[in-house]
Each structure stands twice: as structure tokens, then as C-alpha cells.
Amino acid sequence: MKEEKTIIHRIREDSTEATGYRRQIAALSAVGLLDFSLISLFQLGFIRHMPDLPGKVFDTEKVNSSKDAVLLGMPDGVISLGSYAATILLATAATRYRKPSRMLDVAMAGVLVGQAAGAAQYLYKMAFVQKKICIYCVAGAAINFASLLPLRQLFRRRD
């Protein structure tokens, strides 16, 4: 009797180009989860002091406790955690089907483009309004922008 492979085995063994791009996006989102977990724990009050780079321009605590760090009535770190988790969920869900759903890729693209747009706006506010920089936020923005490359490649493939 032939044993059928589990969904996890099918996902892990999938060597398609599209799955490779989704894996890259998911990996970047996992790094984003780590980065924004620290910010979220600071905003929650669990972490009392955030280490910073030397220099007057770096003030992670000021940036992450400002009014600009609130989105939809919640600390923005927590919102970012949700976005990164949703991205990993959508990347995995799109891969799990034998014939991947383009709709799931489009939903993932919506999350990623929204994250990148939010990052660009937040970087602008840090640099030109607050005149202080959060190195964790800059890292998050870099992750968001970097995710657009495999996303673009995912949509440009011909299969």
C-alpha cells in the first residue's frame, strides 16, 4: 500500500520557481517577525529600554512611543507582526495547492505592497518630522522593500 505524502511533505519537496519566491518572501517575513517582536514588546511595556546605535539621531524609544507609532488605535509594532504573519500564511497557503491559487498570491501582494508603502511613509516621518531614527524600524523597512523583489519575480514568471 502506497502511503500518500502529507501536505507538509508536498510543500517541502515543491521545487517550482513560484514556491522558491514564496519561500524567500516567507523567510523575509520571519525576520520581520523577530524585528517587530522587539518593538512590540517595547510598546507593550515588557521591554523597558531598547538598545540604540550611538549618535543623536538614533532614538528608538522616542520613535516607537510617538503618536506616529499608533495605527488603527494600536501600537504599530503589533500591526506589523500581524502583517508578517499573514504574509507567511498566504505564502504557505498558495504553495500547498497542487495548482497554486493566483488569488492567494494577489492577496499576499496586497499585504507586501501595503507594508512597503507604510514603511516609506514612516521613514519619511522619522527623517523629516520626528528627526529621529529607529534602527529597528529601518531594518523593518528594508525587509519590506526587499520582499518586493521576489514578489515581482513571482508575478513575472511564465508557468
Protein backbone atom coordinates (compact mmCIF):
# COMPACT_ATOMS: atom_id res chain seq x y z
CA MET A 1 0.00 0.00 0.00
CA LYS A 2 1.46 3.33 -1.10
CA GLU A 3 1.49 5.98 1.61
CA GLU A 4 0.23 9.38 0.47
CA LYS A 5 2.51 12.31 1.21
CA THR A 6 1.35 14.83 3.77
CA ILE A 7 0.74 18.43 2.82
CA ILE A 8 3.93 19.36 4.65
CA HIS A 9 5.94 16.87 2.57
CA ARG A 10 4.40 18.20 -0.65
CA ILE A 11 5.22 21.80 0.34
CA ARG A 12 8.77 20.96 1.45
CA GLU A 13 9.50 18.98 -1.73
CA ASP A 14 7.98 21.52 -4.11
CA SER A 15 10.81 22.73 -6.31
CA THR A 16 8.85 25.07 -8.56
CA GLU A 17 10.12 28.56 -9.24
CA ALA A 18 6.98 30.09 -7.73
CA THR A 19 7.45 28.22 -4.48
CA GLY A 20 11.07 29.39 -4.33
CA TYR A 21 9.89 33.01 -4.49
CA ARG A 22 7.21 32.39 -1.86
CA ARG A 23 9.85 30.83 0.41
CA GLN A 24 12.05 33.92 0.03
CA ILE A 25 9.11 36.16 0.93
CA ALA A 26 8.22 33.98 3.93
CA ALA A 27 11.84 33.99 5.15
CA LEU A 28 11.99 37.79 4.99
CA SER A 29 8.70 37.97 6.87
CA ALA A 30 10.09 35.64 9.55
CA VAL A 31 12.99 38.06 10.06
CA GLY A 32 10.42 40.87 10.24
CA LEU A 33 8.58 38.97 12.96
CA LEU A 34 11.76 38.86 15.03
CA ASP A 35 12.47 42.56 14.49
CA PHE A 36 8.96 43.74 15.25
CA SER A 37 8.59 41.40 18.23
CA LEU A 38 11.17 43.56 19.97
CA ILE A 39 9.36 46.77 19.02
CA SER A 40 6.01 45.28 20.10
CA LEU A 41 7.39 44.16 23.45
CA PHE A 42 8.75 47.68 24.00
CA GLN A 43 5.41 49.23 23.06
CA LEU A 44 3.67 46.79 25.41
CA GLY A 45 5.99 47.76 28.25
CA PHE A 46 7.66 44.38 28.65
CA ILE A 47 10.98 45.73 27.39
CA ARG A 48 11.78 48.93 29.27
CA HIS A 49 14.82 50.08 27.29
CA MET A 50 15.75 49.48 23.65
CA PRO A 51 19.43 49.48 22.72
CA ASP A 52 20.32 52.04 20.07
CA LEU A 53 23.20 52.97 17.84
CA PRO A 54 25.36 55.80 19.11
CA GLY A 55 24.53 59.27 17.84
CA LYS A 56 21.97 61.96 18.47
CA VAL A 57 19.85 60.99 15.50
CA PHE A 58 19.05 57.50 16.88
CA ASP A 59 16.18 57.38 19.37
CA THR A 60 14.25 54.15 19.02
CA GLU A 61 12.25 54.75 22.18
CA LYS A 62 11.04 58.20 21.10
CA VAL A 63 10.07 56.97 17.64
CA ASN A 64 8.23 53.90 18.96
CA SER A 65 6.29 55.78 21.61
CA SER A 66 5.28 58.71 19.38
CA LYS A 67 1.77 59.38 18.09
CA ASP A 68 3.03 58.25 14.67
CA ALA A 69 3.61 54.78 16.16
CA VAL A 70 -0.13 54.21 16.51
CA LEU A 71 -2.15 52.70 13.67
CA LEU A 72 -5.84 51.85 13.89
CA GLY A 73 -5.73 52.61 17.62
CA MET A 74 -2.99 50.02 18.21
CA PRO A 75 0.79 50.18 18.52
CA ASP A 76 2.17 49.81 15.00
CA GLY A 77 4.60 47.06 16.03
CA VAL A 78 1.70 44.71 16.71
CA ILE A 79 0.07 45.61 13.39
CA SER A 80 3.35 44.81 11.64
CA LEU A 81 3.54 41.44 13.40
CA GLY A 82 0.09 40.63 12.03
CA SER A 83 1.14 41.63 8.52
CA TYR A 84 4.27 39.47 8.62
CA ALA A 85 2.30 36.51 9.96
CA ALA A 86 -0.36 37.00 7.27
CA THR A 87 2.35 37.04 4.60
CA ILE A 88 3.78 33.73 5.80
CA LEU A 89 0.27 32.26 5.96
CA LEU A 90 -0.56 33.38 2.41
CA ALA A 91 2.80 32.19 1.02
CA THR A 92 2.24 28.77 2.57
CA ALA A 93 -1.42 28.57 1.54
CA ALA A 94 -0.57 29.45 -2.07
CA THR A 95 2.10 26.73 -2.13
CA ARG A 96 0.01 23.98 -0.56
CA TYR A 97 -2.27 23.50 -3.56
CA ARG A 98 -1.12 21.29 -6.40
CA LYS A 99 -2.09 24.12 -8.72
CA PRO A 100 -1.40 27.30 -6.72
CA SER A 101 -4.11 29.88 -6.43
CA ARG A 102 -3.20 33.18 -8.09
CA MET A 103 -5.75 34.83 -5.81
CA LEU A 104 -3.63 33.99 -2.76
CA ASP A 105 -0.58 35.48 -4.46
CA VAL A 106 -2.56 38.64 -5.20
CA ALA A 107 -3.66 38.84 -1.55
CA MET A 108 -0.06 38.39 -0.44
CA ALA A 109 1.00 41.11 -2.88
CA GLY A 110 -1.57 43.44 -1.31
CA VAL A 111 -0.07 42.86 2.13
CA LEU A 112 3.50 43.32 0.87
CA VAL A 113 2.77 46.48 -1.12
CA GLY A 114 0.89 47.88 1.88
CA GLN A 115 3.85 47.13 4.14
CA ALA A 116 6.28 48.80 1.73
CA ALA A 117 4.06 51.87 1.35
CA GLY A 118 3.69 52.12 5.12
CA ALA A 119 7.45 51.76 5.54
CA ALA A 120 8.16 54.54 3.04
CA GLN A 121 5.71 56.86 4.80
CA TYR A 122 7.13 56.00 8.23
CA LEU A 123 10.73 56.51 7.08
CA TYR A 124 9.75 59.94 5.78
CA LYS A 125 8.14 60.88 9.10
CA MET A 126 11.13 59.66 11.09
CA ALA A 127 13.63 61.57 8.97
CA PHE A 128 11.75 64.79 8.29
CA VAL A 129 9.11 65.19 11.01
CA GLN A 130 10.49 63.50 14.13
CA LYS A 131 14.11 63.94 13.03
CA LYS A 132 14.94 60.76 14.96
CA ILE A 133 15.67 57.30 13.63
CA CYS A 134 14.67 53.88 14.96
CA ILE A 135 17.21 51.37 13.68
CA TYR A 136 14.70 48.52 14.18
CA CYS A 137 12.18 50.40 12.02
CA VAL A 138 14.80 50.98 9.32
CA ALA A 139 15.57 47.25 9.37
CA GLY A 140 11.84 46.52 9.05
CA ALA A 141 11.53 48.92 6.13
CA ALA A 142 14.49 47.23 4.43
CA ILE A 143 12.77 43.87 4.90
CA ASN A 144 9.55 45.26 3.43
CA PHE A 145 11.33 46.72 0.40
CA ALA A 146 13.42 43.56 -0.10
CA SER A 147 10.24 41.46 -0.19
CA LEU A 148 9.11 43.30 -3.31
CA LEU A 149 11.87 41.71 -5.42
CA PRO A 150 10.79 38.06 -5.02
CA LEU A 151 7.18 39.25 -5.28
CA ARG A 152 7.94 40.89 -8.62
CA GLN A 153 9.71 37.72 -9.78
CA LEU A 154 6.74 35.63 -8.63
CA PHE A 155 4.41 37.61 -10.88
CA ARG A 156 6.83 37.77 -13.82
CA ARG A 157 7.34 34.01 -14.13
CA ARG A 158 5.81 32.21 -17.08
CA ASP A 159 4.21 28.96 -15.93
